[in-house]
N, C-alpha and C. Protein backbone atom coordinates (compact mmCIF):
# COMPACT_ATOMS: atom_id res chain seq x y z
N UNK A 1 0.51 -1.31 0.15
CA UNK A 1 -0.34 0.30 -0.16
C UNK A 1 0.60 1.57 -0.01
N UNK A 2 0.54 2.20 -0.47
CA UNK A 2 1.33 3.67 -1.06
C UNK A 2 1.23 4.43 0.36
N UNK A 3 2.15 4.96 0.84
CA UNK A 3 2.45 5.86 1.95
C UNK A 3 1.20 7.15 1.66
N UNK A 4 0.65 7.44 2.50
CA UNK A 4 -0.44 8.70 1.93
C UNK A 4 0.75 9.75 1.59
N UNK A 5 0.52 10.81 1.15
CA UNK A 5 0.89 11.97 0.75
C UNK A 5 0.76 12.93 1.80
N UNK A 6 1.53 13.36 2.37
CA UNK A 6 1.50 14.57 3.76
C UNK A 6 1.75 15.63 3.33
N UNK A 7 1.86 16.38 2.29
CA UNK A 7 2.10 17.47 2.61
C UNK A 7 3.39 17.91 2.25
N UNK A 8 3.53 19.20 1.50
CA UNK A 8 4.94 19.46 1.57
C UNK A 8 5.70 20.28 2.79
N UNK A 9 6.68 20.78 2.17
CA UNK A 9 7.44 21.43 3.81
C UNK A 9 8.20 22.76 2.80
N UNK A 10 7.85 23.88 3.61
CA UNK A 10 8.43 25.13 3.65
C UNK A 10 9.02 25.52 4.86
N UNK A 11 10.23 25.94 3.79
CA UNK A 11 11.62 26.34 5.10
C UNK A 11 11.82 27.68 4.46
N UNK A 12 11.27 28.80 5.78
CA UNK A 12 11.68 30.09 5.43
C UNK A 12 13.53 30.36 5.96
N UNK A 13 14.06 30.73 5.56
CA UNK A 13 15.96 30.52 5.70
C UNK A 13 15.90 32.34 6.23
N UNK A 14 16.31 33.06 7.12
CA UNK A 14 16.39 34.73 7.53
C UNK A 14 18.33 34.60 7.90
N UNK A 15 18.60 35.55 7.43
CA UNK A 15 19.90 36.30 8.20
C UNK A 15 19.28 37.11 8.23
N UNK A 16 19.84 37.47 9.57
CA UNK A 16 20.12 39.02 9.82
C UNK A 16 21.55 39.45 9.33
N UNK A 17 20.84 40.14 8.37
CA UNK A 17 22.66 41.16 7.33
C UNK A 17 21.20 42.37 7.27
N UNK A 18 21.68 43.49 6.13
CA UNK A 18 21.18 44.73 5.76
C UNK A 18 20.57 43.92 4.43
N UNK A 19 19.41 44.72 4.28
CA UNK A 19 19.50 44.93 2.79
C UNK A 19 20.14 45.13 1.45
N UNK A 20 20.19 44.10 0.77
CA UNK A 20 21.45 44.73 -0.42
C UNK A 20 20.80 45.34 -1.23
N UNK A 21 21.79 46.02 -2.20
CA UNK A 21 20.59 46.93 -3.29
C UNK A 21 20.43 45.38 -4.28
N UNK A 22 19.65 45.86 -5.67
CA UNK A 22 19.11 44.82 -6.44
C UNK A 22 20.35 44.20 -6.81
N UNK A 23 21.19 45.08 -7.32
CA UNK A 23 22.12 44.85 -8.69
C UNK A 23 22.95 43.20 -7.30
N UNK A 24 23.27 43.65 -6.24
CA UNK A 24 24.00 42.90 -5.23
C UNK A 24 23.03 41.62 -4.86
N UNK A 25 21.74 41.56 -4.80
CA UNK A 25 20.48 40.59 -4.75
C UNK A 25 20.71 39.54 -5.98
N UNK A 26 20.57 40.35 -7.09
CA UNK A 26 20.51 39.44 -8.08
C UNK A 26 21.98 38.28 -8.27
N UNK A 27 22.88 39.31 -8.08
CA UNK A 27 24.24 38.51 -8.35
C UNK A 27 24.54 37.50 -7.64
N UNK A 28 23.90 37.70 -6.14
CA UNK A 28 24.18 36.66 -5.04
C UNK A 28 23.45 35.89 -5.28
N UNK A 29 22.18 35.90 -5.73
CA UNK A 29 21.32 34.48 -6.41
C UNK A 29 21.46 34.11 -6.95
N UNK A 30 21.95 34.53 -8.33
CA UNK A 30 22.52 33.99 -9.54
C UNK A 30 23.52 32.87 -9.54
N UNK A 31 24.18 33.03 -8.56
CA UNK A 31 25.34 32.58 -8.30
C UNK A 31 25.60 31.38 -7.95
N UNK A 32 24.31 31.47 -7.43
CA UNK A 32 24.28 30.07 -6.14
C UNK A 32 22.81 29.29 -6.94
N UNK A 33 22.08 29.84 -7.46
CA UNK A 33 21.04 29.37 -8.89
C UNK A 33 21.58 27.57 -9.06
N UNK A 34 22.70 27.65 -9.46
CA UNK A 34 22.94 26.27 -10.02
C UNK A 34 22.83 25.19 -8.68
N UNK A 35 23.02 25.37 -7.98
CA UNK A 35 23.34 24.23 -6.19
C UNK A 35 21.38 24.36 -6.28
N UNK A 36 21.03 25.38 -5.96
CA UNK A 36 19.36 24.70 -6.23
C UNK A 36 18.77 23.63 -7.42
N UNK A 37 19.09 24.09 -8.35
CA UNK A 37 18.84 23.59 -9.82
C UNK A 37 18.85 22.22 -9.75
N UNK A 38 20.16 21.94 -8.84
CA UNK A 38 20.66 20.37 -9.22
C UNK A 38 19.95 19.38 -8.12
N UNK A 39 19.10 20.38 -6.94
CA UNK A 39 18.23 19.31 -5.57
C UNK A 39 16.98 19.44 -6.36
N UNK A 40 16.79 19.24 -7.03
CA UNK A 40 15.56 18.93 -8.07
C UNK A 40 15.11 16.92 -7.61
N UNK A 41 15.92 16.72 -7.91
CA UNK A 41 16.42 15.16 -8.03
C UNK A 41 16.20 14.85 -6.07
N UNK A 42 16.81 16.03 -5.29
CA UNK A 42 16.53 15.52 -3.63
C UNK A 42 15.30 16.23 -3.16
N UNK A 43 14.27 16.55 -4.25
CA UNK A 43 12.83 16.92 -3.33
C UNK A 43 12.68 18.63 -3.46
N UNK A 44 13.81 19.16 -4.00
CA UNK A 44 13.67 20.62 -3.87
C UNK A 44 12.63 21.05 -5.00
N UNK A 45 11.59 21.66 -4.66
CA UNK A 45 10.40 21.82 -5.83
C UNK A 45 10.70 23.40 -6.15
N UNK A 46 11.02 24.61 -5.23
CA UNK A 46 11.14 25.96 -5.74
C UNK A 46 12.36 26.54 -4.57
N UNK A 47 12.95 27.32 -5.08
CA UNK A 47 13.42 28.25 -3.87
C UNK A 47 13.42 29.95 -4.46
N UNK A 48 12.51 30.66 -3.56
CA UNK A 48 12.65 32.13 -3.59
C UNK A 48 13.49 33.32 -2.88
N UNK A 49 14.77 33.61 -3.54
CA UNK A 49 15.47 34.22 -3.12
C UNK A 49 14.90 35.69 -2.20
N UNK A 50 15.14 35.94 -0.63
CA UNK A 50 14.79 37.21 -0.07
C UNK A 50 15.65 38.26 -0.29
N UNK A 51 15.26 39.30 -0.10
CA UNK A 51 15.76 40.25 0.69
C UNK A 51 15.13 41.99 0.70
N UNK A 52 15.34 42.05 1.73
CA UNK A 52 14.10 42.90 2.37
C UNK A 52 14.89 44.00 3.81
N UNK A 53 14.24 44.94 4.31
CA UNK A 53 14.44 45.47 5.36
C UNK A 53 14.26 44.73 6.27
N UNK A 54 14.24 43.47 6.64
CA UNK A 54 14.25 42.89 7.85
C UNK A 54 15.34 41.63 7.86
N UNK A 55 16.24 41.58 6.42
CA UNK A 55 16.64 40.97 6.57
C UNK A 55 17.04 40.08 5.21
N UNK A 56 17.58 39.65 4.72
CA UNK A 56 17.98 38.40 3.33
C UNK A 56 17.99 36.95 3.61
N UNK A 57 17.88 36.05 2.68
CA UNK A 57 17.59 34.41 3.02
C UNK A 57 16.36 33.80 2.03
N UNK A 58 15.42 32.71 1.99
CA UNK A 58 15.14 32.14 1.14
C UNK A 58 13.92 31.74 1.67
N UNK A 59 12.74 31.24 0.47
CA UNK A 59 11.59 30.11 1.07
C UNK A 59 12.08 29.24 0.06
N UNK A 60 12.04 27.59 0.54
CA UNK A 60 12.11 26.77 -0.17
C UNK A 60 10.79 26.23 0.14
N UNK A 61 10.54 25.27 -0.91
CA UNK A 61 9.02 24.48 -1.31
C UNK A 61 9.68 23.22 -1.49
N UNK A 62 9.69 22.42 -0.39
CA UNK A 62 10.58 20.76 -0.52
C UNK A 62 9.22 19.88 -0.79
N UNK A 63 9.22 18.44 -1.57
CA UNK A 63 8.43 17.73 -1.46
C UNK A 63 7.97 17.27 -0.49
N UNK A 64 8.86 16.77 0.65
CA UNK A 64 8.73 16.34 1.87
C UNK A 64 9.41 17.39 2.99
N UNK A 65 9.13 17.29 4.27
CA UNK A 65 9.62 17.11 5.41
C UNK A 65 11.39 16.86 5.60
N UNK A 66 10.99 15.09 5.10
CA UNK A 66 12.55 14.42 5.46
C UNK A 66 13.70 14.82 4.35
N UNK A 67 12.73 15.56 3.18
CA UNK A 67 13.46 16.34 1.77
C UNK A 67 14.44 17.20 2.15
N UNK A 68 13.47 18.35 3.28
CA UNK A 68 14.12 19.51 3.76
C UNK A 68 15.28 19.04 4.55
N UNK A 69 14.92 17.86 5.34
CA UNK A 69 16.11 18.11 6.69
C UNK A 69 16.86 17.14 6.20
N UNK A 70 16.81 16.37 5.18
CA UNK A 70 18.14 15.87 5.01
C UNK A 70 19.14 17.05 3.92
N UNK A 71 18.74 18.31 3.43
CA UNK A 71 19.84 19.41 3.24
C UNK A 71 19.95 20.48 4.06
N UNK A 72 19.20 20.60 4.66
CA UNK A 72 19.17 21.54 5.93
C UNK A 72 19.64 20.57 7.50
N UNK A 73 21.07 20.16 7.42
CA UNK A 73 21.74 19.15 8.40
C UNK A 73 22.60 20.39 9.32
N UNK A 74 22.97 20.08 10.44
CA UNK A 74 24.13 20.81 11.56
C UNK A 74 25.16 21.24 10.09
N UNK A 75 25.68 20.44 9.55
CA UNK A 75 26.67 20.51 8.71
C UNK A 75 26.62 22.36 7.82
N UNK A 76 25.38 22.00 6.94
CA UNK A 76 24.79 23.20 6.25
C UNK A 76 24.90 24.60 6.79
N UNK A 77 24.38 24.06 8.49
CA UNK A 77 24.08 25.25 9.06
C UNK A 77 25.69 25.87 9.21
N UNK A 78 26.76 25.43 9.59
CA UNK A 78 28.00 25.73 10.34
C UNK A 78 28.21 26.33 8.41
N UNK A 79 28.18 25.54 7.53
CA UNK A 79 29.00 26.26 5.65
C UNK A 79 27.84 27.61 5.68
N UNK A 80 26.75 27.39 6.00
CA UNK A 80 26.06 28.89 5.80
C UNK A 80 26.36 30.22 6.65
N UNK A 81 26.48 29.85 7.93
CA UNK A 81 27.40 30.37 9.36
C UNK A 81 28.81 31.21 8.46
N UNK A 82 29.38 29.82 8.12
CA UNK A 82 30.55 30.75 7.59
C UNK A 82 30.75 31.76 6.04
N UNK A 83 29.61 31.36 5.39
CA UNK A 83 29.48 31.67 3.87
C UNK A 83 29.26 33.53 4.43
N UNK A 84 27.68 33.54 5.52
CA UNK A 84 27.36 34.67 5.52
C UNK A 84 27.45 35.32 6.41
N UNK A 85 28.67 35.07 7.37
CA UNK A 85 29.34 35.23 8.89
C UNK A 85 27.99 35.95 9.65
N UNK A 86 27.10 35.44 9.70
CA UNK A 86 25.91 35.06 10.31
C UNK A 86 25.25 33.83 10.75
N UNK A 87 24.85 33.03 11.74
CA UNK A 87 23.80 31.98 11.67
C UNK A 87 22.68 32.29 11.23
N UNK A 88 21.97 31.29 10.30
CA UNK A 88 20.61 31.21 9.74
C UNK A 88 19.60 31.37 10.81
N UNK A 89 18.40 31.55 10.97
CA UNK A 89 16.93 31.15 11.59
C UNK A 89 16.66 30.44 10.15
N UNK A 90 15.75 29.27 10.96
CA UNK A 90 15.01 28.77 9.92
C UNK A 90 13.48 28.31 10.74
N UNK A 91 12.65 28.70 10.39
CA UNK A 91 11.50 28.13 10.07
C UNK A 91 10.49 26.96 9.34
N UNK A 92 10.24 25.98 10.12
CA UNK A 92 9.45 25.02 9.37
C UNK A 92 7.79 25.02 9.03
N UNK A 93 7.44 24.64 8.13
CA UNK A 93 5.79 24.61 8.12
C UNK A 93 5.35 23.86 6.69
N UNK A 94 4.26 22.99 7.90
CA UNK A 94 4.12 22.14 6.57
C UNK A 94 3.00 22.89 5.85
N UNK A 95 2.98 22.47 4.70
CA UNK A 95 1.80 23.27 3.76
C UNK A 95 0.95 21.71 3.40
N UNK A 96 -0.74 21.74 3.97
CA UNK A 96 -1.20 20.86 3.16
C UNK A 96 -2.50 21.33 2.00
N UNK A 97 -2.35 22.61 2.04
CA UNK A 97 -3.36 23.39 1.10
C UNK A 97 -3.02 24.16 0.75
N UNK A 98 -2.74 24.00 -0.77
CA UNK A 98 -2.07 24.92 -1.96
C UNK A 98 -3.11 25.91 -2.77
N UNK A 99 -3.41 27.31 -2.78
CA UNK A 99 -3.89 27.86 -4.04
C UNK A 99 -2.63 27.76 -5.15
N UNK A 100 -2.89 27.37 -6.51
CA UNK A 100 -1.72 27.32 -7.44
C UNK A 100 -2.68 28.60 -8.75
N UNK A 101 -2.26 29.33 -8.67
CA UNK A 101 -3.04 30.25 -9.50
C UNK A 101 -2.28 30.10 -11.52
N UNK A 102 -1.45 29.65 -11.07
CA UNK A 102 -0.65 29.11 -12.58
C UNK A 102 -1.39 28.13 -13.14
N UNK A 103 -1.80 27.04 -12.31
CA UNK A 103 -2.56 25.68 -12.92
C UNK A 103 -3.77 26.20 -12.42
N UNK A 104 -4.05 27.18 -12.26
CA UNK A 104 -5.71 27.17 -12.03
C UNK A 104 -6.55 26.37 -11.19
N UNK A 105 -5.71 25.61 -9.95
CA UNK A 105 -6.35 24.67 -9.15
C UNK A 105 -6.24 24.63 -7.75
N UNK A 106 -6.62 24.37 -6.58
CA UNK A 106 -6.60 24.48 -5.28
C UNK A 106 -6.14 22.86 -5.43
N UNK A 107 -5.11 22.81 -4.15
CA UNK A 107 -4.37 21.12 -4.36
C UNK A 107 -4.70 21.08 -2.32
N UNK A 108 -5.22 19.96 -1.68
CA UNK A 108 -4.97 19.27 -0.85
C UNK A 108 -4.32 18.17 -0.52
N UNK A 109 -2.97 18.64 -0.11
CA UNK A 109 -2.29 17.01 0.13
C UNK A 109 -1.88 16.68 -1.09
N UNK A 110 -1.22 17.08 -2.32
CA UNK A 110 -1.13 17.03 -3.65
C UNK A 110 -2.14 16.86 -4.66
N UNK A 111 -3.19 16.71 -3.95
CA UNK A 111 -4.84 16.06 -4.99
C UNK A 111 -5.41 17.76 -5.18
N UNK A 112 -5.73 17.69 -6.53
CA UNK A 112 -6.59 18.68 -7.00
C UNK A 112 -7.82 18.25 -6.44
N UNK A 113 -8.49 19.81 -5.97
CA UNK A 113 -9.98 19.63 -5.84
C UNK A 113 -10.41 20.01 -6.82
N UNK A 114 -11.80 19.14 -6.93
CA UNK A 114 -12.98 19.52 -7.97
C UNK A 114 -13.67 20.94 -8.04
N UNK A 115 -13.22 21.85 -9.09
CA UNK A 115 -13.54 23.32 -8.51
C UNK A 115 -15.10 23.13 -8.93
N UNK A 116 -15.92 24.19 -8.38
CA UNK A 116 -17.23 24.30 -8.46
C UNK A 116 -17.18 25.27 -9.72
N UNK A 117 -17.94 25.13 -10.59
CA UNK A 117 -17.98 26.14 -12.15
C UNK A 117 -19.06 27.06 -11.31
């Protein structure tokens, strides 16, 4: 029997760093984007880079919490701390309901709901 789909996992990574210029943010993000493109096979669906007055970081959408946990190990946290000079804070969220306007659907635990027309 197949294991039931339990929803995706979102991890918000936050660094307490000053807001960068758009040019700095784009340069930094595009330089690391190939790393995250390569994580598709390990369960990363999407990453959005963040840059704002409250800090910098990223929003990661993973297929499962286990996939996210496999990436965000203590060794990864040490690596990120060394790279950015400050330890990131991670917030973990399970996401069971998704409104996807690009696909025109609402999904519950990965299954599209029948929309009333």
